[in-house]
Amino acid sequence: MLQKILPYKETYLHYKIMGEGNTVLLLHGFGEDSAIWDQSAKSLSKNYQLILPDIPGTGAAPLLEGTAIGMEDYAEAIFALLKNENIEKCTMVGHSMGGYITLAFAEKYPQMLHAFGLFHSSAYADDEAKKDTRKKAIEFIRQNGALAFLKTSLPGLFADPAISKDNITWLIEKAAQFKPEALIQYYNAMITRPDRTEVLKSTKCPVLFMLGTFDKAVPFEQGLQQATLPSVSHIHILSSSAHMGMLEEPEKSLLKFAHFLSAIYV
């Protein structure tokens, strides 16, 4: 595995590369870093070149500077990364917030995608209730810090926190890396992101939908509705998962992921 740093604007991007073959870029979600994909990437890298970025503000990657950073800005950073690696086309899959960035990328650079995937993610914009929830979270983070917030919120992303205790502990340990400014920037970007269902309707790419039956962050029914929009959808249901299928059902999610990629790269 190669660890790489790319100067970008006033900051830099941090990412890992492993394996050889067609390129698959995996984007982590809110309150995580690229290590969330490590188990899947180790297996998939036997057949593909895997790129695992840390979204700016996460892990070793500094926060993007600016007062109105949106998903489009993170997508531009991913574009710069791919250009630096001389990659003209890839498959991109994003978990949760990483899916929001993937959709922003697919909207602007559709010619650079063989396929893309939403892993417990959504093309819908936040409704007013969701925006209010995120604004309350921002206030909690300002008053109590990033770690305190993630300690309270991470268990709710799992179908059964008792069964997933070790994974939750691991995520909370990693949560210490986050600064409040990063989580606040992410939440503001989520609040202001537009509806991107038109991206799903118009894409010529196959689209992966990985859905958790018990997902409260991206309700199962919403995922099924969106899966009808692309002309080619690959729908996989994780029946014992909520929002963290790669940890809750690692073998099953990896198998379904591998099937999707093998169908794309026949």
Protein backbone atom coordinates (compact mmCIF):
# COMPACT_ATOMS: atom_id res chain seq x y z
CA MET A 1 0.00 0.00 0.00
CA LEU A 2 1.27 3.45 -0.94
CA GLN A 3 0.54 6.51 1.19
CA LYS A 4 0.44 9.64 -0.96
CA ILE A 5 0.19 13.39 -0.40
CA LEU A 6 -0.91 15.83 -3.10
CA PRO A 7 -0.58 19.61 -2.70
CA TYR A 8 -3.99 21.10 -3.39
CA LYS A 9 -4.84 24.81 -3.30
CA GLU A 10 -3.76 26.11 0.13
CA THR A 11 -3.69 22.63 1.66
CA TYR A 12 -3.00 19.04 0.59
CA LEU A 13 -4.84 15.78 -0.03
CA HIS A 14 -3.97 12.46 1.60
CA TYR A 15 -4.80 9.09 0.04
CA LYS A 16 -3.77 5.45 -0.17
CA ILE A 17 -3.32 3.29 -3.27
CA MET A 18 -3.18 -0.48 -3.38
CA GLY A 19 -3.51 -3.21 -6.01
CA GLU A 20 -3.46 -3.17 -9.79
CA GLY A 21 -6.08 -3.15 -12.53
CA ASN A 22 -9.13 -1.01 -13.22
CA THR A 23 -9.43 1.82 -10.73
CA VAL A 24 -12.00 1.79 -7.93
CA LEU A 25 -12.13 4.86 -5.67
CA LEU A 26 -13.81 4.47 -2.28
CA LEU A 27 -15.02 7.49 -0.30
CA HIS A 28 -15.68 7.22 3.41
CA GLY A 29 -18.50 8.95 5.26
CA PHE A 30 -19.00 11.47 8.07
CA GLY A 31 -17.08 10.74 11.27
CA GLU A 32 -14.92 8.08 9.60
CA ASP A 33 -11.69 7.97 7.64
CA SER A 34 -10.51 5.84 4.75
CA ALA A 35 -9.70 2.96 7.11
CA ILE A 36 -13.42 2.13 7.11
CA TRP A 37 -12.73 0.43 3.75
CA ASP A 38 -9.53 -1.40 4.71
CA GLN A 39 -11.06 -4.85 5.03
CA SER A 40 -12.88 -4.60 1.69
CA ALA A 41 -9.94 -2.97 -0.06
CA LYS A 42 -7.52 -5.71 1.00
CA SER A 43 -9.64 -8.28 -0.82
CA LEU A 44 -10.66 -6.14 -3.80
CA SER A 45 -7.09 -5.01 -4.45
CA LYS A 46 -6.30 -8.53 -5.71
CA ASN A 47 -8.20 -7.62 -8.88
CA TYR A 48 -8.41 -3.81 -8.94
CA GLN A 49 -6.42 -0.70 -8.17
CA LEU A 50 -8.00 0.77 -5.06
CA ILE A 51 -7.74 4.47 -4.17
CA LEU A 52 -8.82 5.44 -0.66
CA PRO A 53 -8.77 9.19 0.01
CA ASP A 54 -9.31 10.91 3.32
CA ILE A 55 -11.92 13.60 2.74
CA PRO A 56 -10.32 16.98 3.56
CA GLY A 57 -10.58 17.58 7.29
CA THR A 58 -10.34 13.88 8.09
CA GLY A 59 -7.32 11.90 9.22
CA ALA A 60 -4.10 13.30 7.82
CA ALA A 61 -5.88 15.59 5.35
CA PRO A 62 -6.33 19.26 6.42
CA LEU A 63 -9.69 20.97 6.11
CA LEU A 64 -10.52 22.88 2.94
CA GLU A 65 -10.37 26.62 3.50
CA GLY A 66 -13.46 28.70 2.85
CA THR A 67 -16.76 29.75 4.39
CA ALA A 68 -19.18 28.02 2.02
CA ILE A 69 -17.63 24.64 1.24
CA GLY A 70 -20.03 22.26 -0.50
CA MET A 71 -20.01 18.71 -1.80
CA GLU A 72 -18.88 20.16 -5.12
CA ASP A 73 -15.64 21.37 -3.50
CA TYR A 74 -14.85 17.91 -2.16
CA ALA A 75 -15.66 16.48 -5.60
CA GLU A 76 -13.19 18.93 -7.15
CA ALA A 77 -10.52 17.66 -4.76
CA ILE A 78 -11.20 14.09 -5.91
CA PHE A 79 -10.96 15.25 -9.53
CA ALA A 80 -7.53 16.74 -8.80
CA LEU A 81 -6.44 13.46 -7.20
CA LEU A 82 -7.50 11.42 -10.22
CA LYS A 83 -5.76 13.83 -12.58
CA ASN A 84 -2.59 13.56 -10.51
CA GLU A 85 -2.72 9.77 -10.93
CA ASN A 86 -3.42 10.08 -14.69
CA ILE A 87 -6.68 8.19 -14.28
CA GLU A 88 -9.16 8.96 -17.03
CA LYS A 89 -11.97 6.73 -15.80
CA CYS A 90 -12.85 4.86 -12.62
CA THR A 91 -15.65 3.39 -10.56
CA MET A 92 -16.46 5.52 -7.53
CA VAL A 93 -18.39 4.34 -4.49
CA GLY A 94 -19.21 6.50 -1.49
CA HIS A 95 -20.49 5.64 1.96
CA SER A 96 -23.02 8.08 3.44
CA MET A 97 -21.49 11.57 2.97
CA GLY A 98 -19.04 9.98 0.55
CA GLY A 99 -22.06 9.13 -1.59
CA TYR A 100 -23.08 12.80 -1.62
CA ILE A 101 -19.61 13.65 -2.94
CA THR A 102 -19.84 10.83 -5.49
CA LEU A 103 -23.11 12.27 -6.82
CA ALA A 104 -21.59 15.75 -7.07
CA PHE A 105 -18.67 14.23 -9.00
CA ALA A 106 -21.02 12.25 -11.28
CA GLU A 107 -22.96 15.42 -12.03
CA LYS A 108 -19.87 17.36 -13.17
CA TYR A 109 -17.62 14.62 -14.55
CA PRO A 110 -19.87 11.82 -15.86
CA GLN A 111 -17.34 10.98 -18.58
CA MET A 112 -14.85 9.89 -15.90
CA LEU A 113 -17.03 7.15 -14.44
CA HIS A 114 -17.45 3.55 -15.54
CA ALA A 115 -19.98 3.19 -12.73
CA PHE A 116 -20.71 4.60 -9.31
CA GLY A 117 -22.29 3.48 -6.08
CA LEU A 118 -24.23 4.74 -3.09
CA PHE A 119 -23.36 2.72 0.01
CA HIS A 120 -26.02 3.71 2.56
CA SER A 121 -26.35 7.09 0.84
CA SER A 122 -28.96 9.21 -0.92
CA ALA A 123 -29.51 11.61 -3.80
CA TYR A 124 -32.27 13.42 -1.91
CA ALA A 125 -31.64 16.85 -0.43
CA ASP A 126 -32.28 17.30 3.28
CA ASP A 127 -35.86 18.12 4.15
CA GLU A 128 -36.52 20.82 6.74
CA ALA A 129 -36.68 18.36 9.64
CA LYS A 130 -33.30 16.89 8.67
CA LYS A 131 -31.79 20.36 8.33
CA ASP A 132 -33.02 21.25 11.82
CA THR A 133 -31.48 18.06 13.21
CA ARG A 134 -28.13 18.88 11.62
CA LYS A 135 -28.24 22.47 12.91
CA LYS A 136 -28.85 21.17 16.43
CA ALA A 137 -25.90 18.82 15.98
CA ILE A 138 -23.71 21.76 14.94
CA GLU A 139 -24.63 23.60 18.14
CA PHE A 140 -23.86 20.50 20.21
CA ILE A 141 -20.46 20.18 18.53
CA ARG A 142 -19.67 23.86 19.17
CA GLN A 143 -20.52 23.51 22.83
CA ASN A 144 -19.17 20.03 23.58
CA GLY A 145 -16.64 19.17 20.89
CA ALA A 146 -16.37 16.62 18.08
CA LEU A 147 -15.51 13.60 20.20
CA ALA A 148 -18.45 14.07 22.57
CA PHE A 149 -20.80 14.32 19.61
CA LEU A 150 -19.48 11.21 17.85
CA LYS A 151 -19.64 9.21 21.08
CA THR A 152 -23.36 9.93 21.27
CA SER A 153 -24.18 9.55 17.57
CA LEU A 154 -22.13 6.57 16.35
CA PRO A 155 -24.02 3.81 18.22
CA GLY A 156 -27.27 4.86 16.51
CA LEU A 157 -25.79 3.98 13.11
CA PHE A 158 -25.80 0.26 13.94
CA ALA A 159 -28.73 -2.14 13.93
CA ASP A 160 -27.61 -3.67 17.24
CA PRO A 161 -25.03 -1.61 19.16
CA ALA A 162 -24.43 -4.50 21.58
CA ILE A 163 -23.38 -6.85 18.79
CA SER A 164 -21.32 -4.09 17.17
CA LYS A 165 -19.67 -2.95 20.42
CA ASP A 166 -16.11 -3.57 19.20
CA ASN A 167 -16.69 -1.69 15.94
CA ILE A 168 -18.25 1.23 17.80
CA THR A 169 -15.30 1.35 20.20
CA TRP A 170 -12.91 1.36 17.23
CA LEU A 171 -14.78 4.23 15.56
CA ILE A 172 -14.90 6.26 18.78
CA GLU A 173 -11.15 5.79 19.25
CA LYS A 174 -10.60 7.15 15.75
CA ALA A 175 -13.07 9.98 16.41
CA ALA A 176 -10.48 11.71 18.57
CA GLN A 177 -8.79 12.90 15.37
CA PHE A 178 -11.68 15.17 14.40
CA LYS A 179 -11.75 18.89 15.07
CA PRO A 180 -15.14 20.55 15.58
CA GLU A 181 -14.51 22.74 12.52
CA ALA A 182 -14.37 19.69 10.27
CA LEU A 183 -17.66 18.16 11.42
CA ILE A 184 -19.34 21.56 11.22
CA GLN A 185 -18.08 22.11 7.69
CA TYR A 186 -19.39 18.68 6.68
CA TYR A 187 -22.80 19.30 8.22
CA ASN A 188 -23.14 22.68 6.52
CA ALA A 189 -22.24 21.07 3.20
CA MET A 190 -24.95 18.45 3.78
CA ILE A 191 -27.55 21.07 4.67
CA THR A 192 -26.92 23.08 1.50
CA ARG A 193 -26.53 20.21 -0.97
CA PRO A 194 -29.17 20.10 -3.71
CA ASP A 195 -31.38 17.21 -4.72
CA ARG A 196 -29.42 15.10 -7.20
CA THR A 197 -32.02 12.56 -8.25
CA GLU A 198 -31.65 13.93 -11.79
CA VAL A 199 -28.11 12.55 -11.77
CA LEU A 200 -29.55 9.10 -11.14
CA LYS A 201 -32.18 9.53 -13.85
CA SER A 202 -29.79 10.76 -16.52
CA THR A 203 -26.70 8.66 -15.88
CA LYS A 204 -25.64 6.10 -18.44
CA CYS A 205 -23.54 4.36 -15.79
CA PRO A 206 -24.58 1.32 -13.80
CA VAL A 207 -25.31 2.39 -10.22
CA LEU A 208 -24.83 0.33 -7.07
CA PHE A 209 -27.29 0.74 -4.21
CA MET A 210 -26.24 -0.91 -0.95
CA LEU A 211 -29.18 -0.70 1.44
CA GLY A 212 -29.47 -1.53 5.12
CA THR A 213 -32.86 -2.78 6.26
CA PHE A 214 -32.53 -1.01 9.62
CA ASP A 215 -30.90 2.19 8.33
CA LYS A 216 -32.37 5.27 10.01
CA ALA A 217 -29.97 7.76 8.39
CA VAL A 218 -30.97 6.67 4.88
CA PRO A 219 -34.29 4.85 5.33
CA PHE A 220 -34.60 1.59 3.43
CA GLU A 221 -37.76 2.70 1.61
CA GLN A 222 -36.01 5.84 0.31
CA GLY A 223 -33.17 3.71 -1.01
CA LEU A 224 -35.56 1.46 -2.88
CA GLN A 225 -37.32 4.47 -4.41
CA GLN A 226 -34.07 5.90 -5.71
CA ALA A 227 -32.91 2.55 -7.04
CA THR A 228 -35.69 2.68 -9.64
CA LEU A 229 -34.28 5.90 -11.19
CA PRO A 230 -31.14 4.81 -13.11
CA SER A 231 -31.46 2.79 -16.30
CA VAL A 232 -29.15 0.15 -14.80
CA SER A 233 -29.28 -0.43 -11.04
CA HIS A 234 -27.58 -3.08 -8.93
CA ILE A 235 -29.57 -3.33 -5.70
CA HIS A 236 -28.15 -5.20 -2.72
CA ILE A 237 -29.91 -5.47 0.62
CA LEU A 238 -28.08 -6.04 3.89
CA SER A 239 -30.84 -7.51 5.98
CA SER A 240 -29.04 -7.32 9.34
CA SER A 241 -27.49 -3.87 8.90
CA ALA A 242 -28.38 -0.27 9.57
CA HIS A 243 -25.97 2.38 8.23
CA MET A 244 -22.64 0.57 8.63
CA GLY A 245 -22.94 -2.54 6.48
CA MET A 246 -19.22 -2.85 5.78
CA LEU A 247 -18.76 -3.42 9.52
CA GLU A 248 -22.07 -5.07 10.42
CA GLU A 249 -22.07 -7.60 7.58
CA PRO A 250 -18.52 -7.43 6.18
CA GLU A 251 -18.48 -10.72 4.28
CA LYS A 252 -21.89 -10.21 2.69
CA SER A 253 -21.26 -6.58 1.73
CA LEU A 254 -17.85 -7.48 0.25
CA LEU A 255 -19.37 -10.31 -1.78
CA LYS A 256 -22.07 -8.04 -3.20
CA PHE A 257 -19.51 -5.32 -3.87
CA ALA A 258 -17.29 -7.79 -5.75
CA HIS A 259 -20.25 -9.00 -7.82
CA PHE A 260 -21.03 -5.42 -8.83
CA LEU A 261 -17.44 -4.76 -9.94
CA SER A 262 -17.18 -8.02 -11.84
CA ALA A 263 -20.33 -7.09 -13.75
CA ILE A 264 -18.84 -3.70 -14.64
CA TYR A 265 -15.43 -5.01 -15.69
CA VAL A 266 -16.41 -8.11 -17.64
